[in-house]
Amino acid sequence: MILCIVIIVAAATVPIGTATRYNLGHPATAGDIKACDISVAPDGAGLPEGSGTALQGRAVYEAQCAICHGARGEGNADYPPLAGGRGTLNTDKAVLTVGSYWPYATTVWDYIHRAMPYRNPGSLTPNEVYSVTAYVLFMNGIVGLRDQVTAKSIPALKMPNRDGFVPDPRPDVK
């Protein structure tokens, strides 16, 4: 009993909000936070400056993406297809691709930027990401071979499945 009282008294004497410092890391600077703030919204907020065409993206795709996703975006047993699949979502054999499923072109850019190429994610420059995005969109008939894809043009692209999702009615809580 006395031991319990001693522990309670000792715990009560530590000021609330006092943090233990372990001398690991450092307080986050504005630069640290900016480096982690890489979110891209459907309306294009967060996209960096840059541009690319499918014609430019073809070479990057062949060097960085085709090994997994195939020369024409057809995929294989281990990696998903990127092209095709339109008209299959309401069937028993839905094919989920950029052209059949993804609602926003900005999400394609964001995913390529963050996660691709698989063996070296985040290694592409913004212009390379715009170019590869343009090429993937070209394979799906969404942009032309020489159309410029930029931070301003990509949010305006109408993806085939843009209206295929139900908006989340829950309030945004932060």
N, C-alpha and C. Protein backbone atom coordinates (compact mmCIF):
# COMPACT_ATOMS: atom_id res chain seq x y z
N MET A 1 0.82 -1.19 0.00
CA MET A 1 0.00 0.00 0.00
C MET A 1 0.86 1.26 0.00
N ILE A 2 1.87 1.25 0.84
CA ILE A 2 2.76 2.41 0.91
C ILE A 2 3.45 2.61 -0.44
N LEU A 3 3.83 1.50 -1.09
CA LEU A 3 4.47 1.60 -2.40
C LEU A 3 3.54 2.27 -3.41
N CYS A 4 2.26 1.93 -3.37
CA CYS A 4 1.29 2.54 -4.28
C CYS A 4 1.19 4.04 -4.03
N ILE A 5 1.18 4.45 -2.77
CA ILE A 5 1.09 5.87 -2.44
C ILE A 5 2.33 6.61 -2.94
N VAL A 6 3.50 6.01 -2.76
CA VAL A 6 4.75 6.63 -3.22
C VAL A 6 4.72 6.81 -4.74
N ILE A 7 4.26 5.80 -5.45
CA ILE A 7 4.20 5.88 -6.92
C ILE A 7 3.22 6.96 -7.35
N ILE A 8 2.07 7.03 -6.72
CA ILE A 8 1.07 8.04 -7.07
C ILE A 8 1.59 9.44 -6.80
N VAL A 9 2.23 9.64 -5.66
CA VAL A 9 2.78 10.96 -5.32
C VAL A 9 3.89 11.33 -6.30
N ALA A 10 4.74 10.37 -6.65
CA ALA A 10 5.84 10.65 -7.59
C ALA A 10 5.28 11.01 -8.96
N ALA A 11 4.26 10.29 -9.39
CA ALA A 11 3.66 10.57 -10.69
C ALA A 11 2.97 11.93 -10.70
N ALA A 12 2.38 12.30 -9.59
CA ALA A 12 1.66 13.56 -9.50
C ALA A 12 2.60 14.76 -9.51
N THR A 13 3.86 14.56 -9.17
CA THR A 13 4.80 15.68 -9.13
C THR A 13 5.41 15.99 -10.50
N VAL A 14 5.21 15.10 -11.49
CA VAL A 14 5.71 15.36 -12.84
C VAL A 14 4.72 16.30 -13.53
N PRO A 15 5.16 17.46 -13.97
CA PRO A 15 4.22 18.40 -14.61
C PRO A 15 3.61 17.79 -15.88
N ILE A 16 2.33 18.04 -16.05
CA ILE A 16 1.64 17.55 -17.24
C ILE A 16 2.19 18.30 -18.45
N GLY A 17 2.39 17.57 -19.51
CA GLY A 17 2.90 18.17 -20.74
C GLY A 17 4.42 18.16 -20.83
N THR A 18 5.08 17.67 -19.79
CA THR A 18 6.53 17.55 -19.85
C THR A 18 6.87 16.36 -20.71
N ALA A 19 7.63 16.60 -21.73
CA ALA A 19 7.99 15.53 -22.66
C ALA A 19 9.37 15.00 -22.32
N THR A 20 9.51 13.73 -22.47
CA THR A 20 10.82 13.11 -22.31
C THR A 20 11.55 13.25 -23.63
N ARG A 21 12.78 13.72 -23.58
CA ARG A 21 13.58 13.86 -24.80
C ARG A 21 14.51 12.67 -24.89
N TYR A 22 14.54 12.06 -26.05
CA TYR A 22 15.39 10.90 -26.26
C TYR A 22 16.59 11.22 -27.16
N ASN A 23 16.72 12.50 -27.54
CA ASN A 23 17.82 12.94 -28.39
C ASN A 23 17.87 12.18 -29.71
N LEU A 24 16.71 11.87 -30.25
CA LEU A 24 16.61 11.24 -31.56
C LEU A 24 15.98 12.25 -32.51
N GLY A 25 16.53 12.36 -33.70
CA GLY A 25 15.94 13.24 -34.70
C GLY A 25 16.10 14.71 -34.34
N HIS A 26 15.26 15.53 -34.94
CA HIS A 26 15.28 16.97 -34.70
C HIS A 26 13.87 17.51 -34.94
N PRO A 27 13.57 18.67 -34.37
CA PRO A 27 12.26 19.26 -34.65
C PRO A 27 12.10 19.49 -36.15
N ALA A 28 10.93 19.21 -36.66
CA ALA A 28 10.67 19.36 -38.10
C ALA A 28 10.75 20.82 -38.50
N THR A 29 11.52 21.07 -39.53
CA THR A 29 11.62 22.42 -40.08
C THR A 29 10.54 22.60 -41.14
N ALA A 30 10.36 23.82 -41.58
CA ALA A 30 9.40 24.08 -42.67
C ALA A 30 9.79 23.30 -43.92
N GLY A 31 11.09 23.17 -44.17
CA GLY A 31 11.57 22.39 -45.32
C GLY A 31 11.26 20.91 -45.19
N ASP A 32 11.39 20.37 -43.97
CA ASP A 32 11.06 18.97 -43.73
C ASP A 32 9.59 18.71 -44.03
N ILE A 33 8.74 19.60 -43.55
CA ILE A 33 7.30 19.43 -43.74
C ILE A 33 6.94 19.58 -45.22
N LYS A 34 7.56 20.56 -45.89
CA LYS A 34 7.28 20.76 -47.32
C LYS A 34 7.69 19.53 -48.13
N ALA A 35 8.79 18.88 -47.77
CA ALA A 35 9.24 17.70 -48.50
C ALA A 35 8.25 16.55 -48.37
N CYS A 36 7.51 16.50 -47.27
CA CYS A 36 6.53 15.43 -47.06
C CYS A 36 5.15 15.79 -47.62
N ASP A 37 4.92 17.05 -47.87
CA ASP A 37 3.62 17.51 -48.34
C ASP A 37 3.53 17.37 -49.85
N ILE A 38 3.28 16.14 -50.30
CA ILE A 38 3.28 15.86 -51.74
C ILE A 38 1.89 15.47 -52.24
N SER A 39 0.87 15.78 -51.48
CA SER A 39 -0.48 15.42 -51.89
C SER A 39 -0.91 16.19 -53.13
N VAL A 40 -1.62 15.49 -54.01
CA VAL A 40 -2.19 16.11 -55.20
C VAL A 40 -3.69 15.85 -55.17
N ALA A 41 -4.47 16.92 -55.25
CA ALA A 41 -5.93 16.81 -55.19
C ALA A 41 -6.51 16.61 -56.60
N PRO A 42 -7.73 16.12 -56.69
CA PRO A 42 -8.37 15.95 -58.00
C PRO A 42 -8.43 17.23 -58.82
N ASP A 43 -8.51 18.39 -58.14
CA ASP A 43 -8.56 19.66 -58.88
C ASP A 43 -7.18 20.16 -59.30
N GLY A 44 -6.14 19.39 -59.01
CA GLY A 44 -4.79 19.75 -59.41
C GLY A 44 -3.99 20.47 -58.35
N ALA A 45 -4.61 20.84 -57.24
CA ALA A 45 -3.86 21.49 -56.16
C ALA A 45 -2.72 20.56 -55.74
N GLY A 46 -1.53 21.11 -55.65
CA GLY A 46 -0.37 20.34 -55.26
C GLY A 46 0.49 19.85 -56.42
N LEU A 47 -0.01 19.99 -57.64
CA LEU A 47 0.80 19.58 -58.80
C LEU A 47 1.94 20.56 -59.01
N PRO A 48 3.14 20.07 -59.28
CA PRO A 48 4.25 20.98 -59.56
C PRO A 48 4.20 21.47 -61.01
N GLU A 49 4.97 22.49 -61.29
CA GLU A 49 5.10 22.95 -62.67
C GLU A 49 5.79 21.85 -63.48
N GLY A 50 5.50 21.82 -64.74
CA GLY A 50 6.10 20.83 -65.62
C GLY A 50 5.16 20.51 -66.75
N SER A 51 5.65 19.70 -67.68
CA SER A 51 4.81 19.31 -68.81
C SER A 51 5.40 18.09 -69.48
N GLY A 52 4.59 17.46 -70.30
CA GLY A 52 5.05 16.32 -71.07
C GLY A 52 4.00 15.90 -72.07
N THR A 53 4.44 15.17 -73.07
CA THR A 53 3.54 14.62 -74.08
C THR A 53 3.68 13.10 -74.08
N ALA A 54 2.71 12.45 -74.69
CA ALA A 54 2.80 10.99 -74.82
C ALA A 54 4.00 10.60 -75.66
N LEU A 55 4.31 11.41 -76.64
CA LEU A 55 5.47 11.14 -77.49
C LEU A 55 6.75 11.12 -76.65
N GLN A 56 6.88 12.08 -75.74
CA GLN A 56 8.03 12.10 -74.83
C GLN A 56 7.95 10.96 -73.82
N GLY A 57 6.75 10.67 -73.36
CA GLY A 57 6.56 9.65 -72.34
C GLY A 57 6.80 8.23 -72.82
N ARG A 58 6.67 8.01 -74.12
CA ARG A 58 6.87 6.66 -74.66
C ARG A 58 8.26 6.12 -74.30
N ALA A 59 9.29 6.92 -74.46
CA ALA A 59 10.66 6.47 -74.17
C ALA A 59 10.84 6.17 -72.69
N VAL A 60 10.30 7.02 -71.83
CA VAL A 60 10.40 6.79 -70.39
C VAL A 60 9.62 5.53 -70.02
N TYR A 61 8.43 5.38 -70.58
CA TYR A 61 7.61 4.19 -70.32
C TYR A 61 8.35 2.93 -70.74
N GLU A 62 8.92 2.93 -71.93
CA GLU A 62 9.63 1.74 -72.42
C GLU A 62 10.81 1.39 -71.52
N ALA A 63 11.50 2.40 -70.99
CA ALA A 63 12.67 2.16 -70.14
C ALA A 63 12.30 1.81 -68.71
N GLN A 64 11.20 2.37 -68.19
CA GLN A 64 10.91 2.24 -66.77
C GLN A 64 9.66 1.42 -66.43
N CYS A 65 8.73 1.29 -67.35
CA CYS A 65 7.42 0.74 -67.01
C CYS A 65 7.06 -0.54 -67.77
N ALA A 66 7.51 -0.65 -69.01
CA ALA A 66 7.09 -1.76 -69.87
C ALA A 66 7.52 -3.11 -69.33
N ILE A 67 8.61 -3.17 -68.60
CA ILE A 67 9.08 -4.45 -68.06
C ILE A 67 8.02 -5.10 -67.17
N CYS A 68 7.23 -4.28 -66.48
CA CYS A 68 6.18 -4.82 -65.61
C CYS A 68 4.79 -4.76 -66.28
N HIS A 69 4.48 -3.63 -66.90
CA HIS A 69 3.12 -3.42 -67.40
C HIS A 69 2.94 -3.77 -68.87
N GLY A 70 4.00 -4.20 -69.54
CA GLY A 70 3.90 -4.58 -70.95
C GLY A 70 4.07 -3.41 -71.89
N ALA A 71 4.45 -3.71 -73.11
CA ALA A 71 4.73 -2.67 -74.11
C ALA A 71 3.51 -1.82 -74.43
N ARG A 72 2.33 -2.39 -74.33
CA ARG A 72 1.09 -1.66 -74.65
C ARG A 72 0.21 -1.45 -73.43
N GLY A 73 0.78 -1.62 -72.24
CA GLY A 73 0.00 -1.44 -71.02
C GLY A 73 -0.92 -2.59 -70.72
N GLU A 74 -0.64 -3.76 -71.31
CA GLU A 74 -1.53 -4.92 -71.14
C GLU A 74 -1.34 -5.65 -69.82
N GLY A 75 -0.25 -5.37 -69.09
CA GLY A 75 0.01 -6.06 -67.83
C GLY A 75 0.44 -7.49 -68.04
N ASN A 76 0.59 -8.21 -66.93
CA ASN A 76 0.93 -9.64 -66.98
C ASN A 76 0.41 -10.29 -65.71
N ALA A 77 0.84 -11.50 -65.42
CA ALA A 77 0.32 -12.23 -64.26
C ALA A 77 0.63 -11.52 -62.94
N ASP A 78 1.72 -10.77 -62.89
CA ASP A 78 2.13 -10.13 -61.64
C ASP A 78 1.81 -8.65 -61.54
N TYR A 79 1.61 -7.99 -62.66
CA TYR A 79 1.40 -6.54 -62.65
C TYR A 79 0.15 -6.20 -63.45
N PRO A 80 -0.64 -5.24 -62.96
CA PRO A 80 -1.94 -4.96 -63.59
C PRO A 80 -1.82 -4.27 -64.94
N PRO A 81 -2.85 -4.43 -65.76
CA PRO A 81 -2.88 -3.69 -67.02
C PRO A 81 -3.15 -2.21 -66.73
N LEU A 82 -2.66 -1.38 -67.61
CA LEU A 82 -2.89 0.06 -67.50
C LEU A 82 -3.87 0.55 -68.55
N ALA A 83 -4.04 -0.20 -69.62
CA ALA A 83 -4.88 0.23 -70.73
C ALA A 83 -5.94 -0.81 -71.05
N GLY A 84 -7.01 -0.34 -71.67
CA GLY A 84 -8.10 -1.24 -72.05
C GLY A 84 -9.16 -1.30 -70.97
N GLY A 85 -10.02 -2.28 -71.07
CA GLY A 85 -11.02 -2.53 -70.04
C GLY A 85 -12.27 -1.68 -70.09
N ARG A 86 -12.37 -0.75 -71.01
CA ARG A 86 -13.58 0.08 -71.05
C ARG A 86 -14.79 -0.78 -71.34
N GLY A 87 -15.87 -0.48 -70.63
CA GLY A 87 -17.11 -1.22 -70.82
C GLY A 87 -17.18 -2.53 -70.05
N THR A 88 -16.17 -2.81 -69.23
CA THR A 88 -16.16 -4.09 -68.50
C THR A 88 -16.58 -3.96 -67.04
N LEU A 89 -16.73 -2.75 -66.52
CA LEU A 89 -16.98 -2.58 -65.09
C LEU A 89 -18.30 -3.20 -64.64
N ASN A 90 -19.28 -3.25 -65.51
CA ASN A 90 -20.58 -3.82 -65.15
C ASN A 90 -20.71 -5.27 -65.58
N THR A 91 -19.59 -5.93 -65.81
CA THR A 91 -19.60 -7.34 -66.22
C THR A 91 -18.99 -8.20 -65.12
N ASP A 92 -19.06 -9.51 -65.32
CA ASP A 92 -18.45 -10.44 -64.37
C ASP A 92 -16.93 -10.43 -64.44
N LYS A 93 -16.39 -9.88 -65.51
CA LYS A 93 -14.93 -9.85 -65.70
C LYS A 93 -14.45 -8.42 -65.87
N ALA A 94 -14.69 -7.61 -64.85
CA ALA A 94 -14.27 -6.20 -64.90
C ALA A 94 -12.75 -6.12 -64.99
N VAL A 95 -12.27 -5.27 -65.87
CA VAL A 95 -10.84 -5.02 -66.02
C VAL A 95 -10.59 -3.59 -65.55
N LEU A 96 -9.93 -3.48 -64.40
CA LEU A 96 -9.69 -2.17 -63.80
C LEU A 96 -8.39 -1.59 -64.33
N THR A 97 -8.50 -0.58 -65.15
CA THR A 97 -7.33 0.09 -65.73
C THR A 97 -7.48 1.59 -65.54
N VAL A 98 -6.45 2.32 -65.93
CA VAL A 98 -6.52 3.78 -65.89
C VAL A 98 -7.69 4.27 -66.74
N GLY A 99 -7.90 3.68 -67.89
CA GLY A 99 -8.95 4.12 -68.79
C GLY A 99 -10.34 3.66 -68.43
N SER A 100 -10.45 2.57 -67.68
CA SER A 100 -11.78 2.06 -67.37
C SER A 100 -12.25 2.42 -65.96
N TYR A 101 -11.33 2.68 -65.05
CA TYR A 101 -11.71 2.76 -63.64
C TYR A 101 -11.34 4.09 -62.98
N TRP A 102 -10.15 4.59 -63.23
CA TRP A 102 -9.66 5.75 -62.48
C TRP A 102 -10.50 6.99 -62.79
N PRO A 103 -10.95 7.73 -61.76
CA PRO A 103 -11.83 8.86 -62.00
C PRO A 103 -11.14 10.18 -62.35
N TYR A 104 -9.88 10.34 -61.95
CA TYR A 104 -9.19 11.62 -62.17
C TYR A 104 -7.80 11.39 -62.74
N ALA A 105 -7.44 12.16 -63.74
CA ALA A 105 -6.09 12.08 -64.31
C ALA A 105 -5.04 12.55 -63.32
N THR A 106 -5.41 13.45 -62.42
CA THR A 106 -4.46 13.92 -61.41
C THR A 106 -4.04 12.79 -60.48
N THR A 107 -4.94 11.85 -60.24
CA THR A 107 -4.61 10.70 -59.40
C THR A 107 -3.60 9.80 -60.11
N VAL A 108 -3.70 9.69 -61.41
CA VAL A 108 -2.72 8.92 -62.18
C VAL A 108 -1.34 9.57 -62.01
N TRP A 109 -1.27 10.89 -62.19
CA TRP A 109 -0.01 11.61 -62.01
C TRP A 109 0.55 11.36 -60.61
N ASP A 110 -0.30 11.53 -59.60
CA ASP A 110 0.12 11.38 -58.21
C ASP A 110 0.66 9.98 -57.93
N TYR A 111 -0.03 8.97 -58.43
CA TYR A 111 0.40 7.59 -58.18
C TYR A 111 1.74 7.31 -58.87
N ILE A 112 1.88 7.73 -60.11
CA ILE A 112 3.15 7.52 -60.81
C ILE A 112 4.27 8.25 -60.06
N HIS A 113 4.01 9.47 -59.63
CA HIS A 113 5.01 10.27 -58.92
C HIS A 113 5.45 9.60 -57.62
N ARG A 114 4.50 9.10 -56.85
CA ARG A 114 4.82 8.53 -55.54
C ARG A 114 5.36 7.10 -55.60
N ALA A 115 4.79 6.28 -56.47
CA ALA A 115 5.02 4.84 -56.36
C ALA A 115 5.76 4.18 -57.52
N MET A 116 6.03 4.91 -58.57
CA MET A 116 6.64 4.29 -59.75
C MET A 116 7.97 4.96 -60.08
N PRO A 117 8.86 4.28 -60.75
CA PRO A 117 8.80 2.86 -61.10
C PRO A 117 8.94 1.99 -59.86
N TYR A 118 8.42 0.80 -59.95
CA TYR A 118 8.32 -0.11 -58.80
C TYR A 118 9.65 -0.28 -58.07
N ARG A 119 10.73 -0.43 -58.81
CA ARG A 119 12.03 -0.68 -58.17
C ARG A 119 12.73 0.58 -57.69
N ASN A 120 12.21 1.74 -58.04
CA ASN A 120 12.85 3.00 -57.66
C ASN A 120 11.80 4.11 -57.58
N PRO A 121 10.81 3.97 -56.68
CA PRO A 121 9.71 4.94 -56.63
C PRO A 121 10.21 6.35 -56.31
N GLY A 122 9.55 7.31 -56.92
CA GLY A 122 9.88 8.71 -56.68
C GLY A 122 11.11 9.20 -57.41
N SER A 123 11.66 8.39 -58.30
CA SER A 123 12.90 8.77 -58.99
C SER A 123 12.68 9.57 -60.27
N LEU A 124 11.46 9.64 -60.75
CA LEU A 124 11.18 10.38 -61.98
C LEU A 124 11.04 11.87 -61.69
N THR A 125 11.52 12.69 -62.60
CA THR A 125 11.35 14.14 -62.48
C THR A 125 9.89 14.49 -62.76
N PRO A 126 9.44 15.68 -62.33
CA PRO A 126 8.07 16.06 -62.66
C PRO A 126 7.77 16.01 -64.16
N ASN A 127 8.70 16.44 -65.00
CA ASN A 127 8.46 16.38 -66.45
C ASN A 127 8.34 14.94 -66.94
N GLU A 128 9.14 14.03 -66.38
CA GLU A 128 9.03 12.62 -66.76
C GLU A 128 7.69 12.06 -66.30
N VAL A 129 7.23 12.47 -65.11
CA VAL A 129 5.93 11.99 -64.63
C VAL A 129 4.81 12.52 -65.52
N TYR A 130 4.87 13.79 -65.91
CA TYR A 130 3.86 14.32 -66.84
C TYR A 130 3.89 13.54 -68.15
N SER A 131 5.09 13.23 -68.63
CA SER A 131 5.23 12.52 -69.91
C SER A 131 4.69 11.10 -69.82
N VAL A 132 5.04 10.37 -68.77
CA VAL A 132 4.54 8.99 -68.60
C VAL A 132 3.02 9.02 -68.40
N THR A 133 2.54 9.97 -67.62
CA THR A 133 1.09 10.10 -67.43
C THR A 133 0.42 10.33 -68.79
N ALA A 134 0.98 11.21 -69.58
CA ALA A 134 0.43 11.47 -70.92
C ALA A 134 0.43 10.19 -71.75
N TYR A 135 1.50 9.41 -71.67
CA TYR A 135 1.57 8.18 -72.46
C TYR A 135 0.52 7.16 -72.01
N VAL A 136 0.35 7.01 -70.70
CA VAL A 136 -0.66 6.08 -70.19
C VAL A 136 -2.06 6.56 -70.60
N LEU A 137 -2.29 7.86 -70.52
CA LEU A 137 -3.58 8.40 -70.97
C LEU A 137 -3.76 8.23 -72.47
N PHE A 138 -2.69 8.37 -73.23
CA PHE A 138 -2.72 8.15 -74.68
C PHE A 138 -3.09 6.69 -75.00
N MET A 139 -2.50 5.75 -74.27
CA MET A 139 -2.81 4.33 -74.50
C MET A 139 -4.29 4.04 -74.26
N ASN A 140 -4.94 4.90 -73.48
CA ASN A 140 -6.36 4.74 -73.18
C ASN A 140 -7.24 5.65 -74.02
N GLY A 141 -6.67 6.33 -75.00
CA GLY A 141 -7.45 7.18 -75.89
C GLY A 141 -7.96 8.47 -75.26
N ILE A 142 -7.31 8.93 -74.20
CA ILE A 142 -7.79 10.11 -73.48
C ILE A 142 -7.10 11.39 -73.96
N VAL A 143 -5.84 11.28 -74.36
CA VAL A 143 -5.12 12.42 -74.94
C VAL A 143 -4.47 11.99 -76.24
N GLY A 144 -4.08 12.96 -77.04
CA GLY A 144 -3.38 12.69 -78.28
C GLY A 144 -1.89 12.53 -78.05
N LEU A 145 -1.20 12.04 -79.04
CA LEU A 145 0.23 11.76 -78.95
C LEU A 145 1.05 13.01 -78.65
N ARG A 146 0.62 14.16 -79.17
CA ARG A 146 1.39 15.40 -79.00
C ARG A 146 0.71 16.40 -78.06
N ASP A 147 -0.37 16.02 -77.41
CA ASP A 147 -1.04 16.92 -76.46
C ASP A 147 -0.14 17.17 -75.26
N GLN A 148 -0.01 18.44 -74.87
CA GLN A 148 0.77 18.80 -73.68
C GLN A 148 -0.06 18.51 -72.43
N VAL A 149 0.51 17.75 -71.52
CA VAL A 149 -0.11 17.51 -70.23
C VAL A 149 0.67 18.35 -69.22
N THR A 150 -0.04 19.26 -68.54
CA THR A 150 0.58 20.19 -67.60
C THR A 150 -0.24 20.24 -66.32
N ALA A 151 0.27 21.00 -65.35
CA ALA A 151 -0.47 21.18 -64.10
C ALA A 151 -1.81 21.85 -64.35
N LYS A 152 -1.91 22.64 -65.38
CA LYS A 152 -3.18 23.32 -65.69
C LYS A 152 -4.12 22.46 -66.53
N SER A 153 -3.57 21.65 -67.42
CA SER A 153 -4.43 20.88 -68.33
C SER A 153 -4.92 19.56 -67.73
N ILE A 154 -4.13 18.95 -66.87
CA ILE A 154 -4.49 17.60 -66.40
C ILE A 154 -5.77 17.57 -65.56
N PRO A 155 -6.05 18.58 -64.70
CA PRO A 155 -7.31 18.52 -63.96
C PRO A 155 -8.54 18.64 -64.85
N ALA A 156 -8.39 19.24 -66.02
CA ALA A 156 -9.52 19.44 -66.93
C ALA A 156 -9.83 18.20 -67.77
N LEU A 157 -8.94 17.22 -67.77
CA LEU A 157 -9.18 16.01 -68.56
C LEU A 157 -10.35 15.23 -67.97
N LYS A 158 -11.26 14.84 -68.81
CA LYS A 158 -12.44 14.08 -68.36
C LYS A 158 -12.15 12.59 -68.53
N MET A 159 -11.98 11.91 -67.41
CA MET A 159 -11.72 10.48 -67.43
C MET A 159 -13.03 9.74 -67.70
N PRO A 160 -12.97 8.61 -68.40
CA PRO A 160 -14.18 7.87 -68.75
C PRO A 160 -15.04 7.47 -67.55
N ASN A 161 -14.43 7.22 -66.41
CA ASN A 161 -15.20 6.79 -65.23
C ASN A 161 -15.32 7.90 -64.19
N ARG A 162 -15.21 9.14 -64.60
CA ARG A 162 -15.27 10.27 -63.66
C ARG A 162 -16.54 10.23 -62.82
N ASP A 163 -17.66 9.87 -63.43
CA ASP A 163 -18.93 9.88 -62.71
C ASP A 163 -19.30 8.51 -62.16
N GLY A 164 -18.35 7.58 -62.14
CA GLY A 164 -18.63 6.22 -61.69
C GLY A 164 -18.47 6.00 -60.20
N PHE A 165 -18.14 7.04 -59.45
CA PHE A 165 -17.97 6.90 -58.01
C PHE A 165 -19.04 7.70 -57.30
N VAL A 166 -19.41 7.26 -56.10
CA VAL A 166 -20.40 7.95 -55.30
C VAL A 166 -19.66 8.86 -54.32
N PRO A 167 -20.00 10.15 -54.27
CA PRO A 167 -19.32 11.05 -53.33
C PRO A 167 -19.53 10.60 -51.89
N ASP A 168 -18.51 10.76 -51.08
CA ASP A 168 -18.58 10.42 -49.66
C ASP A 168 -19.32 11.54 -48.94
N PRO A 169 -20.51 11.25 -48.36
CA PRO A 169 -21.30 12.31 -47.74
C PRO A 169 -20.81 12.72 -46.35
N ARG A 170 -19.85 11.98 -45.80
CA ARG A 170 -19.40 12.29 -44.45
C ARG A 170 -18.65 13.63 -44.43
N PRO A 171 -18.75 14.35 -43.32
CA PRO A 171 -18.03 15.63 -43.24
C PRO A 171 -16.52 15.38 -43.19
N ASP A 172 -15.78 16.33 -43.72
CA ASP A 172 -14.32 16.25 -43.68
C ASP A 172 -13.87 16.73 -42.31
N VAL A 173 -13.30 15.85 -41.53
CA VAL A 173 -12.82 16.22 -40.20
C VAL A 173 -11.31 16.20 -40.20
N LYS A 174 -10.76 17.23 -39.66
CA LYS A 174 -9.29 17.34 -39.64
C LYS A 174 -8.79 17.40 -38.23
